[in-house]
Protein backbone atom coordinates (compact mmCIF):
# COMPACT_ATOMS: atom_id res chain seq x y z
CA MET A 1 98.82 93.88 131.94
CA MET A 2 99.05 90.23 130.98
CA ILE A 3 96.38 88.85 128.64
CA MET A 4 95.39 86.20 131.17
CA ASP A 5 94.61 88.93 133.70
CA MET A 6 92.10 90.57 131.37
CA PRO A 7 88.40 89.67 131.23
CA ARG A 8 87.93 87.19 128.41
CA VAL A 9 85.64 89.50 126.42
CA GLU A 10 88.37 92.19 126.38
CA ARG A 11 91.15 89.96 125.06
CA PRO A 12 92.19 90.78 121.47
CA ARG A 13 91.40 87.38 119.94
CA GLU A 14 88.03 87.14 121.63
CA LYS A 15 87.18 90.71 120.59
CA LEU A 16 88.09 89.94 116.99
CA MET A 17 85.94 86.80 116.93
CA ARG A 18 83.00 88.61 118.49
CA TYR A 19 83.11 92.03 116.84
CA GLY A 20 85.39 91.70 113.79
CA PRO A 21 88.91 93.11 113.15
CA GLU A 22 87.73 96.65 112.42
CA LYS A 23 86.75 97.06 116.09
CA LEU A 24 90.28 96.40 117.35
CA SER A 25 92.97 99.00 117.90
CA ASP A 26 96.33 98.84 116.09
CA ALA A 27 97.94 97.54 119.28
CA GLU A 28 95.33 94.79 119.64
CA LEU A 29 95.77 93.64 116.03
CA LEU A 30 99.54 93.64 116.41
CA ALA A 31 99.23 91.71 119.69
CA ILE A 32 97.33 88.96 117.88
CA MET A 33 100.18 88.64 115.37
CA LEU A 34 102.80 88.67 118.13
CA ARG A 35 100.85 86.02 120.11
CA THR A 36 102.99 86.25 123.26
CA GLY A 37 104.80 88.88 125.26
CA THR A 38 107.77 88.57 127.60
CA LYS A 39 108.02 87.79 131.29
CA GLU A 40 108.18 91.51 132.02
CA ARG A 41 105.74 92.83 129.41
CA GLY A 42 102.35 91.54 128.33
CA VAL A 43 101.77 91.17 124.61
CA LEU A 44 99.50 94.24 124.48
CA ASP A 45 102.14 96.34 126.22
CA LEU A 46 104.78 94.95 123.88
CA ALA A 47 102.63 95.82 120.85
CA GLY A 48 102.20 99.35 122.19
CA ASP A 49 105.96 99.69 122.69
CA ILE A 50 106.61 98.66 119.08
CA LEU A 51 104.02 101.07 117.69
CA ARG A 52 105.55 103.94 119.65
CA LYS A 53 109.13 103.14 118.64
CA VAL A 54 108.60 102.27 114.99
CA GLY A 55 105.52 104.43 114.38
CA PRO A 56 102.16 103.20 113.03
CA GLU A 57 102.81 104.87 109.67
CA ASN A 58 106.19 103.12 109.31
CA LEU A 59 105.21 99.70 110.63
CA LYS A 60 103.74 98.47 107.33
CA SER A 61 107.12 98.94 105.63
CA ALA A 62 109.39 98.13 108.58
CA ALA A 63 112.41 96.04 107.69
CA TYR A 64 113.28 92.74 109.34
CA SER A 65 116.31 94.36 111.00
CA GLU A 66 114.12 97.05 112.61
CA LEU A 67 111.65 94.58 114.07
CA GLN A 68 114.11 91.90 115.13
CA GLY A 69 115.90 94.40 117.34
CA GLN A 70 112.80 95.22 119.39
CA PRO A 71 112.46 93.66 122.89
CA GLY A 72 110.41 90.49 122.73
CA ILE A 73 110.78 90.00 118.97
CA GLY A 74 113.13 87.29 117.82
CA PRO A 75 113.98 86.20 114.27
CA VAL A 76 110.84 84.08 113.85
CA LYS A 77 108.39 86.77 114.98
CA ALA A 78 110.18 89.39 112.89
CA CYS A 79 109.89 87.20 109.78
CA GLU A 80 106.20 86.55 110.45
CA LEU A 81 105.43 90.25 110.85
CA VAL A 82 107.33 91.27 107.71
CA ALA A 83 105.54 88.52 105.75
CA CYS A 84 102.13 89.67 107.05
CA PHE A 85 102.76 93.31 106.13
CA GLU A 86 104.07 92.40 102.67
CA LEU A 87 101.05 90.20 101.99
CA GLY A 88 98.75 93.01 103.12
CA ARG A 89 100.45 95.48 100.77
CA ARG A 90 100.10 93.10 97.84
CA PHE A 91 96.42 92.50 98.50
CA LEU A 92 95.85 96.22 98.98
CA HIS A 93 97.30 97.03 95.57
CA GLY A 94 95.75 93.97 93.97
CA LYS A 95 99.05 92.91 92.45
CA LYS A 96 102.50 91.63 93.19
CA ALA A 97 105.27 94.03 94.12
CA ALA A 98 105.70 96.59 91.35
CA ILE A 99 108.65 96.24 89.00
CA TYR A 100 110.21 99.52 87.89
CA LEU A 101 112.21 99.58 84.69
CA LYS A 102 110.84 102.60 82.83
CA PRO A 103 110.66 106.28 83.84
CA GLN A 104 107.00 106.40 82.83
CA ASP A 105 106.32 103.86 85.59
CA ILE A 106 107.82 106.29 88.10
CA TRP A 107 105.79 109.16 86.62
CA ALA A 108 102.60 107.13 86.98
CA GLU A 109 103.39 106.23 90.60
CA LEU A 110 104.07 109.83 91.60
CA LYS A 111 100.74 111.34 90.57
CA ASP A 112 100.29 112.67 94.13
CA ILE A 113 103.38 114.90 93.93
CA ARG A 114 103.36 115.96 90.28
CA GLU A 115 101.28 119.06 91.02
CA GLN A 116 102.74 119.91 94.42
CA LYS A 117 103.88 123.51 94.82
CA LYS A 118 107.07 122.41 96.59
CA GLU A 119 109.71 120.04 95.32
CA HIS A 120 109.45 116.52 96.75
CA PHE A 121 112.50 114.27 96.49
CA VAL A 122 111.54 110.59 96.51
CA THR A 123 113.68 107.46 96.58
CA PHE A 124 112.45 104.06 95.39
CA TYR A 125 114.31 101.15 97.00
CA LEU A 126 114.44 98.04 94.80
CA ASP A 127 115.52 94.43 95.19
CA THR A 128 117.62 92.44 92.72
CA ARG A 129 114.57 91.98 90.45
CA ASN A 130 113.79 95.70 90.45
CA GLN A 131 110.76 95.12 92.65
CA GLU A 132 109.92 97.89 95.07
CA ILE A 133 110.86 97.21 98.68
CA LYS A 134 109.76 100.62 99.90
CA ARG A 135 109.83 104.28 98.99
CA ASP A 136 110.63 107.37 101.02
CA ILE A 137 110.10 111.09 100.63
CA VAL A 138 113.62 112.20 101.52
CA SER A 139 113.03 115.94 101.48
CA ILE A 140 110.43 118.59 100.75
CA GLY A 141 111.47 122.03 99.57
CA THR A 142 113.84 123.54 97.05
CA LEU A 143 116.26 120.85 96.00
CA ASN A 144 119.89 121.67 96.63
CA TYR A 145 123.20 119.92 97.00
CA ASN A 146 123.24 120.13 100.79
CA LEU A 147 119.58 119.40 101.54
CA VAL A 148 119.62 115.82 100.22
CA HIS A 149 122.52 114.08 101.94
CA PRO A 150 123.67 110.64 100.71
CA ARG A 151 123.12 109.32 104.23
CA GLU A 152 119.40 110.14 104.05
CA VAL A 153 119.12 108.26 100.76
CA PHE A 154 121.30 105.22 101.41
CA GLU A 155 120.75 104.47 105.10
CA PRO A 156 117.27 103.04 104.36
CA ALA A 157 118.75 101.22 101.36
CA VAL A 158 121.27 99.42 103.55
CA LYS A 159 118.69 98.75 106.28
CA ASN A 160 116.23 97.25 103.79
CA LEU A 161 118.87 95.33 101.81
CA ALA A 162 118.11 97.21 98.61
CA ALA A 163 120.15 96.30 95.54
CA SER A 164 119.47 99.57 93.73
CA VAL A 165 117.56 102.83 93.95
CA ILE A 166 115.70 105.16 91.62
CA LEU A 167 115.64 108.85 92.46
CA ALA A 168 112.79 111.13 91.51
CA HIS A 169 111.55 114.63 92.19
CA ASN A 170 108.94 117.01 90.85
CA HIS A 171 109.41 120.41 89.23
CA PRO A 172 106.56 122.70 90.34
CA SER A 173 107.44 125.10 87.51
CA GLY A 174 106.45 122.46 84.96
CA CYS A 175 109.85 122.71 83.28
CA LEU A 176 111.55 119.35 82.74
CA GLU A 177 115.01 120.81 82.20
CA PRO A 178 117.35 119.67 85.02
CA SER A 179 119.04 122.44 86.98
CA ASP A 180 122.74 122.55 87.81
CA GLU A 181 121.79 121.49 91.35
CA ASP A 182 119.90 118.49 89.94
CA LEU A 183 122.92 117.43 87.94
CA SER A 184 125.47 117.84 90.74
CA LEU A 185 123.23 116.10 93.28
CA THR A 186 122.65 113.16 90.94
CA LYS A 187 126.38 112.79 90.36
CA ARG A 188 127.06 112.93 94.09
CA LEU A 189 124.44 110.29 94.92
CA ALA A 190 125.53 108.02 92.07
CA GLN A 191 129.11 108.13 93.38
CA ALA A 192 127.96 107.37 96.92
CA GLY A 193 125.88 104.46 95.66
CA LYS A 194 128.83 103.06 93.75
CA LEU A 195 130.93 103.04 96.91
CA LEU A 196 128.19 101.16 98.76
CA GLY A 197 127.47 98.74 95.93
CA ILE A 198 123.94 100.13 95.54
CA GLU A 199 123.38 101.30 91.98
CA VAL A 200 121.45 104.46 91.21
CA LEU A 201 119.46 103.24 88.21
CA ASP A 202 117.95 106.57 87.22
CA HIS A 203 116.85 110.00 88.35
CA VAL A 204 113.44 111.01 87.03
CA ILE A 205 112.03 114.54 86.99
CA VAL A 206 108.23 114.58 86.92
CA THR A 207 105.70 117.29 86.16
CA LYS A 208 101.97 117.30 85.53
CA GLU A 209 102.55 116.86 81.81
CA GLY A 210 105.54 114.56 81.57
CA TRP A 211 108.87 113.27 82.77
CA LEU A 212 112.59 113.35 82.04
CA SER A 213 114.96 110.44 82.62
CA PHE A 214 118.58 111.29 83.43
CA LYS A 215 119.53 107.81 82.23
CA GLN A 216 117.86 108.17 78.85
CA LYS A 217 119.34 111.64 78.38
CA ASN A 218 122.83 110.33 79.27
CA LEU A 219 123.04 112.73 82.20
CA MET A 220 124.41 110.12 84.60
């Protein structure tokens, strides 16, 4: 349905002005940012399409390349959306994008997985100033050479124009000693990153009590 065909009180902008943003659905809020649809699809329908394709949980960290390829979204709209989401993230955290240089920073950021009973493998994607672009949980379960494929780590890096990555995972046992699998996987990913021109800055093991940096221990 086109916006002009809707009763005025049901249009997203009018609803926001009358009731406040918290009363609007995700699609309605996104429609306000998009402003216009296409000849074939109204802006609300277009917003719904984007939410279904990208996913509400991924939209806040969607890359320009992901949005620009969606029907009805050109370069200008894609830039505006990415800027809005980035600004929202910064306000949410009350600070500018985090800069990661030390393993203790990674340890502090991963407080939600330090006590997990399963291993969580996380990748931090960084720009040229070591500011976080996004982070992904690449796998959950016992870490092994075959479970974490370089493609799963570096495809988002390429898509988000990351200059480097930091790898991290938890050890539910509480032991900080890297396993043979940890060492071989780190070597494999570092080699893949070198081929792509995306440096693996570090691999950090975290537990409830502490952390171990592969870089500081000269393990990579």
